PDB file of all heavy atoms in Angstrom:
ATOM      1  N   ARG A   1      -0.498  -3.427   5.517  1.00  0.00           N
ATOM      2  CA  ARG A   1      -0.460  -4.805   5.999  1.00  0.00           C
ATOM      3  C   ARG A   1       0.788  -5.036   6.822  1.00  0.00           C
ATOM      4  O   ARG A   1       1.812  -4.362   6.632  1.00  0.00           O
ATOM      5  CB  ARG A   1      -0.540  -5.815   4.847  1.00  0.00           C
ATOM      6  CG  ARG A   1       0.676  -5.822   3.921  1.00  0.00           C
ATOM      7  CD  ARG A   1       0.426  -6.763   2.753  1.00  0.00           C
ATOM      8  NE  ARG A   1       1.591  -6.816   1.857  1.00  0.00           N
ATOM      9  CZ  ARG A   1       1.611  -7.478   0.696  1.00  0.00           C
ATOM     10  NH1 ARG A   1       0.514  -8.160   0.291  1.00  0.00           N
ATOM     11  NH2 ARG A   1       2.689  -7.472  -0.065  1.00  0.00           N
ATOM     12  N   GLN A   2       0.696  -6.021   7.706  1.00  0.00           N
ATOM     13  CA  GLN A   2       1.839  -6.374   8.538  1.00  0.00           C
ATOM     14  C   GLN A   2       1.911  -7.897   8.657  1.00  0.00           C
ATOM     15  O   GLN A   2       0.990  -8.529   9.183  1.00  0.00           O
ATOM     16  CB  GLN A   2       1.734  -5.737   9.916  1.00  0.00           C
ATOM     17  CG  GLN A   2       2.968  -5.932  10.777  1.00  0.00           C
ATOM     18  CD  GLN A   2       2.973  -5.012  11.986  1.00  0.00           C
ATOM     19  OE1 GLN A   2       1.956  -4.469  12.379  1.00  0.00           O
ATOM     20  NE2 GLN A   2       4.156  -4.819  12.559  1.00  0.00           N
ATOM     21  N   ALA A   3       2.998  -8.429   8.152  1.00  0.00           N
ATOM     22  CA  ALA A   3       3.250  -9.864   8.266  1.00  0.00           C
ATOM     23  C   ALA A   3       4.028 -10.130   9.544  1.00  0.00           C
ATOM     24  O   ALA A   3       4.685  -9.234  10.067  1.00  0.00           O
ATOM     25  CB  ALA A   3       4.029 -10.340   7.042  1.00  0.00           C
ATOM     26  N   PRO A   4       3.958 -11.345  10.060  1.00  0.00           N
ATOM     27  CA  PRO A   4       4.688 -11.673  11.305  1.00  0.00           C
ATOM     28  C   PRO A   4       6.174 -11.362  11.181  1.00  0.00           C
ATOM     29  O   PRO A   4       6.821 -11.747  10.209  1.00  0.00           O
ATOM     30  CB  PRO A   4       4.443 -13.182  11.448  1.00  0.00           C
ATOM     31  CG  PRO A   4       3.176 -13.431  10.742  1.00  0.00           C
ATOM     32  CD  PRO A   4       3.162 -12.499   9.577  1.00  0.00           C
ATOM     33  N   GLY A   5       6.671 -10.635  12.157  1.00  0.00           N
ATOM     34  CA  GLY A   5       8.092 -10.325  12.182  1.00  0.00           C
ATOM     35  C   GLY A   5       8.519  -9.233  11.239  1.00  0.00           C
ATOM     36  O   GLY A   5       9.714  -8.953  11.122  1.00  0.00           O
ATOM     37  N   LYS A   6       7.559  -8.613  10.581  1.00  0.00           N
ATOM     38  CA  LYS A   6       7.891  -7.543   9.614  1.00  0.00           C
ATOM     39  C   LYS A   6       7.206  -6.252   9.995  1.00  0.00           C
ATOM     40  O   LYS A   6       6.262  -6.214  10.770  1.00  0.00           O
ATOM     41  CB  LYS A   6       7.485  -7.969   8.204  1.00  0.00           C
ATOM     42  CG  LYS A   6       8.261  -9.159   7.669  1.00  0.00           C
ATOM     43  CD  LYS A   6       7.930  -9.395   6.190  1.00  0.00           C
ATOM     44  CE  LYS A   6       8.752 -10.540   5.619  1.00  0.00           C
ATOM     45  NZ  LYS A   6       8.474 -10.754   4.175  1.00  0.00           N
ATOM     46  N   GLN A   7       7.720  -5.172   9.409  1.00  0.00           N
ATOM     47  CA  GLN A   7       7.106  -3.875   9.657  1.00  0.00           C
ATOM     48  C   GLN A   7       5.834  -3.704   8.860  1.00  0.00           C
ATOM     49  O   GLN A   7       5.663  -4.344   7.811  1.00  0.00           O
ATOM     50  CB  GLN A   7       8.108  -2.763   9.283  1.00  0.00           C
ATOM     51  CG  GLN A   7       9.284  -2.638  10.228  1.00  0.00           C
ATOM     52  CD  GLN A   7      10.129  -1.403   9.937  1.00  0.00           C
ATOM     53  OE1 GLN A   7      10.192  -0.949   8.796  1.00  0.00           O
ATOM     54  NE2 GLN A   7      10.773  -0.866  10.956  1.00  0.00           N
ATOM     55  N   ARG A   8       4.977  -2.840   9.358  1.00  0.00           N
ATOM     56  CA  ARG A   8       3.758  -2.533   8.619  1.00  0.00           C
ATOM     57  C   ARG A   8       4.137  -1.798   7.337  1.00  0.00           C
ATOM     58  O   ARG A   8       4.986  -0.902   7.346  1.00  0.00           O
ATOM     59  CB  ARG A   8       2.818  -1.673   9.471  1.00  0.00           C
ATOM     60  CG  ARG A   8       1.430  -1.519   8.938  1.00  0.00           C
ATOM     61  CD  ARG A   8       0.511  -0.863   9.961  1.00  0.00           C
ATOM     62  NE  ARG A   8       0.354  -1.682  11.159  1.00  0.00           N
ATOM     63  CZ  ARG A   8      -0.528  -1.393  12.119  1.00  0.00           C
ATOM     64  NH1 ARG A   8      -1.325  -0.330  12.014  1.00  0.00           N
ATOM     65  NH2 ARG A   8      -0.596  -2.178  13.185  1.00  0.00           N
ATOM     66  N   GLU A   9       3.507  -2.198   6.245  1.00  0.00           N
ATOM     67  CA  GLU A   9       3.833  -1.585   4.958  1.00  0.00           C
ATOM     68  C   GLU A   9       2.574  -1.129   4.234  1.00  0.00           C
ATOM     69  O   GLU A   9       1.487  -1.696   4.408  1.00  0.00           O
ATOM     70  CB  GLU A   9       4.592  -2.567   4.079  1.00  0.00           C
ATOM     71  CG  GLU A   9       3.817  -3.814   3.699  1.00  0.00           C
ATOM     72  CD  GLU A   9       4.566  -4.703   2.728  1.00  0.00           C
ATOM     73  OE1 GLU A   9       5.708  -4.394   2.366  1.00  0.00           O
ATOM     74  OE2 GLU A   9       3.991  -5.757   2.340  1.00  0.00           O
ATOM     75  N   LEU A  10       2.763  -0.091   3.421  1.00  0.00           N
ATOM     76  CA  LEU A  10       1.658   0.419   2.632  1.00  0.00           C
ATOM     77  C   LEU A  10       1.306  -0.553   1.511  1.00  0.00           C
ATOM     78  O   LEU A  10       2.200  -1.064   0.829  1.00  0.00           O
ATOM     79  CB  LEU A  10       2.044   1.774   2.034  1.00  0.00           C
ATOM     80  CG  LEU A  10       1.010   2.415   1.103  1.00  0.00           C
ATOM     81  CD1 LEU A  10      -0.238   2.817   1.865  1.00  0.00           C
ATOM     82  CD2 LEU A  10       1.615   3.589   0.354  1.00  0.00           C
ATOM     83  N   VAL A  11       0.017  -0.782   1.326  1.00  0.00           N
ATOM     84  CA  VAL A  11      -0.464  -1.608   0.220  1.00  0.00           C
ATOM     85  C   VAL A  11      -1.034  -0.709  -0.882  1.00  0.00           C
ATOM     86  O   VAL A  11      -0.669  -0.821  -2.043  1.00  0.00           O
ATOM     87  CB  VAL A  11      -1.543  -2.592   0.689  1.00  0.00           C
ATOM     88  CG1 VAL A  11      -2.097  -3.377  -0.503  1.00  0.00           C
ATOM     89  CG2 VAL A  11      -0.955  -3.566   1.725  1.00  0.00           C
ATOM     90  N   ALA A  12      -1.938   0.178  -0.497  1.00  0.00           N
ATOM     91  CA  ALA A  12      -2.563   1.066  -1.466  1.00  0.00           C
ATOM     92  C   ALA A  12      -3.133   2.278  -0.734  1.00  0.00           C
ATOM     93  O   ALA A  12      -3.526   2.166   0.419  1.00  0.00           O
ATOM     94  CB  ALA A  12      -3.673   0.359  -2.245  1.00  0.00           C
ATOM     95  N   VAL A  13      -3.138   3.416  -1.432  1.00  0.00           N
ATOM     96  CA  VAL A  13      -3.641   4.638  -0.824  1.00  0.00           C
ATOM     97  C   VAL A  13      -4.343   5.468  -1.860  1.00  0.00           C
ATOM     98  O   VAL A  13      -3.972   5.459  -3.041  1.00  0.00           O
ATOM     99  CB  VAL A  13      -2.499   5.433  -0.154  1.00  0.00           C
ATOM    100  CG1 VAL A  13      -1.490   5.892  -1.183  1.00  0.00           C
ATOM    101  CG2 VAL A  13      -3.045   6.610   0.647  1.00  0.00           C
ATOM    102  N   ILE A  14      -5.380   6.189  -1.424  1.00  0.00           N
ATOM    103  CA  ILE A  14      -6.055   7.155  -2.272  1.00  0.00           C
ATOM    104  C   ILE A  14      -6.139   8.477  -1.521  1.00  0.00           C
ATOM    105  O   ILE A  14      -6.486   8.495  -0.328  1.00  0.00           O
ATOM    106  CB  ILE A  14      -7.449   6.681  -2.719  1.00  0.00           C
ATOM    107  CG1 ILE A  14      -8.108   7.710  -3.624  1.00  0.00           C
ATOM    108  CG2 ILE A  14      -8.340   6.351  -1.512  1.00  0.00           C
ATOM    109  CD1 ILE A  14      -9.358   7.216  -4.344  1.00  0.00           C
ATOM    110  N   THR A  15      -5.800   9.552  -2.195  1.00  0.00           N
ATOM    111  CA  THR A  15      -5.852  10.866  -1.563  1.00  0.00           C
ATOM    112  C   THR A  15      -7.208  11.533  -1.825  1.00  0.00           C
ATOM    113  O   THR A  15      -7.994  11.063  -2.672  1.00  0.00           O
ATOM    114  CB  THR A  15      -4.751  11.792  -2.094  1.00  0.00           C
ATOM    115  OG1 THR A  15      -5.038  12.092  -3.453  1.00  0.00           O
ATOM    116  CG2 THR A  15      -3.385  11.118  -1.980  1.00  0.00           C
ATOM    117  N   ASN A  16      -7.453  12.649  -1.155  1.00  0.00           N
ATOM    118  CA  ASN A  16      -8.723  13.322  -1.364  1.00  0.00           C
ATOM    119  C   ASN A  16      -8.818  13.983  -2.733  1.00  0.00           C
ATOM    120  O   ASN A  16      -9.894  14.430  -3.149  1.00  0.00           O
ATOM    121  CB  ASN A  16      -8.985  14.347  -0.249  1.00  0.00           C
ATOM    122  CG  ASN A  16      -7.881  15.378  -0.143  1.00  0.00           C
ATOM    123  OD1 ASN A  16      -6.984  15.425  -0.987  1.00  0.00           O
ATOM    124  ND2 ASN A  16      -7.925  16.180   0.895  1.00  0.00           N
ATOM    125  N   SER A  17      -7.720  14.017  -3.460  1.00  0.00           N
ATOM    126  CA  SER A  17      -7.755  14.538  -4.837  1.00  0.00           C
ATOM    127  C   SER A  17      -7.957  13.425  -5.842  1.00  0.00           C
ATOM    128  O   SER A  17      -8.015  13.656  -7.052  1.00  0.00           O
ATOM    129  CB  SER A  17      -6.470  15.286  -5.155  1.00  0.00           C
ATOM    130  OG  SER A  17      -5.374  14.409  -5.088  1.00  0.00           O
ATOM    131  N   GLY A  18      -8.043  12.185  -5.343  1.00  0.00           N
ATOM    132  CA  GLY A  18      -8.291  11.040  -6.217  1.00  0.00           C
ATOM    133  C   GLY A  18      -7.056  10.305  -6.687  1.00  0.00           C
ATOM    134  O   GLY A  18      -7.153   9.327  -7.431  1.00  0.00           O
ATOM    135  N   THR A  19      -5.903  10.755  -6.263  1.00  0.00           N
ATOM    136  CA  THR A  19      -4.661  10.074  -6.657  1.00  0.00           C
ATOM    137  C   THR A  19      -4.523   8.751  -5.906  1.00  0.00           C
ATOM    138  O   THR A  19      -4.722   8.722  -4.688  1.00  0.00           O
ATOM    139  CB  THR A  19      -3.453  10.953  -6.344  1.00  0.00           C
ATOM    140  OG1 THR A  19      -3.577  12.196  -7.042  1.00  0.00           O
ATOM    141  CG2 THR A  19      -2.163  10.262  -6.744  1.00  0.00           C
ATOM    142  N   THR A  20      -4.229   7.706  -6.647  1.00  0.00           N
ATOM    143  CA  THR A  20      -4.030   6.405  -6.005  1.00  0.00           C
ATOM    144  C   THR A  20      -2.606   5.898  -6.248  1.00  0.00           C
ATOM    145  O   THR A  20      -1.992   6.184  -7.273  1.00  0.00           O
ATOM    146  CB  THR A  20      -5.031   5.367  -6.551  1.00  0.00           C
ATOM    147  OG1 THR A  20      -4.844   5.242  -7.988  1.00  0.00           O
ATOM    148  CG2 THR A  20      -6.451   5.775  -6.274  1.00  0.00           C
ATOM    149  N   ASN A  21      -2.123   5.144  -5.295  1.00  0.00           N
ATOM    150  CA  ASN A  21      -0.820   4.524  -5.412  1.00  0.00           C
ATOM    151  C   ASN A  21      -0.883   3.134  -4.818  1.00  0.00           C
ATOM    152  O   ASN A  21      -1.556   2.897  -3.820  1.00  0.00           O
ATOM    153  CB  ASN A  21       0.238   5.349  -4.669  1.00  0.00           C
ATOM    154  CG  ASN A  21       0.707   6.537  -5.490  1.00  0.00           C
ATOM    155  OD1 ASN A  21       1.307   6.373  -6.546  1.00  0.00           O
ATOM    156  ND2 ASN A  21       0.417   7.731  -5.006  1.00  0.00           N
ATOM    157  N   TYR A  22      -0.159   2.230  -5.452  1.00  0.00           N
ATOM    158  CA  TYR A  22      -0.076   0.855  -4.995  1.00  0.00           C
ATOM    159  C   TYR A  22       1.374   0.478  -4.746  1.00  0.00           C
ATOM    160  O   TYR A  22       2.276   0.946  -5.451  1.00  0.00           O
ATOM    161  CB  TYR A  22      -0.642  -0.112  -6.037  1.00  0.00           C
ATOM    162  CG  TYR A  22      -2.134   0.003  -6.274  1.00  0.00           C
ATOM    163  CD1 TYR A  22      -2.628   0.924  -7.201  1.00  0.00           C
ATOM    164  CD2 TYR A  22      -3.042  -0.796  -5.585  1.00  0.00           C
ATOM    165  CE1 TYR A  22      -4.002   1.023  -7.437  1.00  0.00           C
ATOM    166  CE2 TYR A  22      -4.400  -0.701  -5.819  1.00  0.00           C
ATOM    167  CZ  TYR A  22      -4.870   0.206  -6.747  1.00  0.00           C
ATOM    168  OH  TYR A  22      -6.217   0.309  -6.974  1.00  0.00           O
ATOM    169  N   ALA A  23       1.584  -0.403  -3.803  1.00  0.00           N
ATOM    170  CA  ALA A  23       2.914  -0.982  -3.626  1.00  0.00           C
ATOM    171  C   ALA A  23       3.259  -1.790  -4.869  1.00  0.00           C
ATOM    172  O   ALA A  23       2.363  -2.438  -5.457  1.00  0.00           O
ATOM    173  CB  ALA A  23       2.947  -1.877  -2.401  1.00  0.00           C
ATOM    174  N   ASP A  24       4.517  -1.796  -5.239  1.00  0.00           N
ATOM    175  CA  ASP A  24       4.929  -2.530  -6.439  1.00  0.00           C
ATOM    176  C   ASP A  24       4.568  -4.018  -6.338  1.00  0.00           C
ATOM    177  O   ASP A  24       4.237  -4.658  -7.332  1.00  0.00           O
ATOM    178  CB  ASP A  24       6.435  -2.394  -6.632  1.00  0.00           C
ATOM    179  CG  ASP A  24       6.833  -1.003  -7.103  1.00  0.00           C
ATOM    180  OD1 ASP A  24       5.955  -0.263  -7.582  1.00  0.00           O
ATOM    181  OD2 ASP A  24       8.022  -0.656  -6.984  1.00  0.00           O
ATOM    182  N   SER A  25       4.601  -4.546  -5.132  1.00  0.00           N
ATOM    183  CA  SER A  25       4.374  -5.991  -4.935  1.00  0.00           C
ATOM    184  C   SER A  25       2.928  -6.393  -5.203  1.00  0.00           C
ATOM    185  O   SER A  25       2.664  -7.598  -5.367  1.00  0.00           O
ATOM    186  CB  SER A  25       4.759  -6.399  -3.511  1.00  0.00           C
ATOM    187  OG  SER A  25       4.005  -5.646  -2.570  1.00  0.00           O
ATOM    188  N   VAL A  26       2.010  -5.428  -5.270  1.00  0.00           N
ATOM    189  CA  VAL A  26       0.590  -5.785  -5.462  1.00  0.00           C
ATOM    190  C   VAL A  26       0.017  -5.203  -6.748  1.00  0.00           C
ATOM    191  O   VAL A  26      -1.128  -5.505  -7.099  1.00  0.00           O
ATOM    192  CB  VAL A  26      -0.276  -5.335  -4.268  1.00  0.00           C
ATOM    193  CG1 VAL A  26       0.299  -5.878  -2.966  1.00  0.00           C
ATOM    194  CG2 VAL A  26      -0.420  -3.822  -4.226  1.00  0.00           C
ATOM    195  N   LYS A  27       0.788  -4.398  -7.452  1.00  0.00           N
ATOM    196  CA  LYS A  27       0.295  -3.800  -8.685  1.00  0.00           C
ATOM    197  C   LYS A  27      -0.130  -4.881  -9.665  1.00  0.00           C
ATOM    198  O   LYS A  27       0.576  -5.858  -9.884  1.00  0.00           O
ATOM    199  CB  LYS A  27       1.376  -2.910  -9.316  1.00  0.00           C
ATOM    200  CG  LYS A  27       1.542  -1.558  -8.654  1.00  0.00           C
ATOM    201  CD  LYS A  27       2.613  -0.733  -9.353  1.00  0.00           C
ATOM    202  CE  LYS A  27       2.795   0.605  -8.663  1.00  0.00           C
ATOM    203  NZ  LYS A  27       3.906   1.387  -9.258  1.00  0.00           N
ATOM    204  N   GLY A  28      -1.299  -4.671 -10.264  1.00  0.00           N
ATOM    205  CA  GLY A  28      -1.826  -5.629 -11.230  1.00  0.00           C
ATOM    206  C   GLY A  28      -2.596  -6.775 -10.580  1.00  0.00           C
ATOM    207  O   GLY A  28      -3.261  -7.539 -11.282  1.00  0.00           O
TER     208      GLY A  28
END
């Protein structure tokens, strides 16, 4: 995601091995 005036940041990702990661700001 990218908010106005800010850099694009990762929100969530899943790899082809099934590993997922979330940004701390959106966890839960």
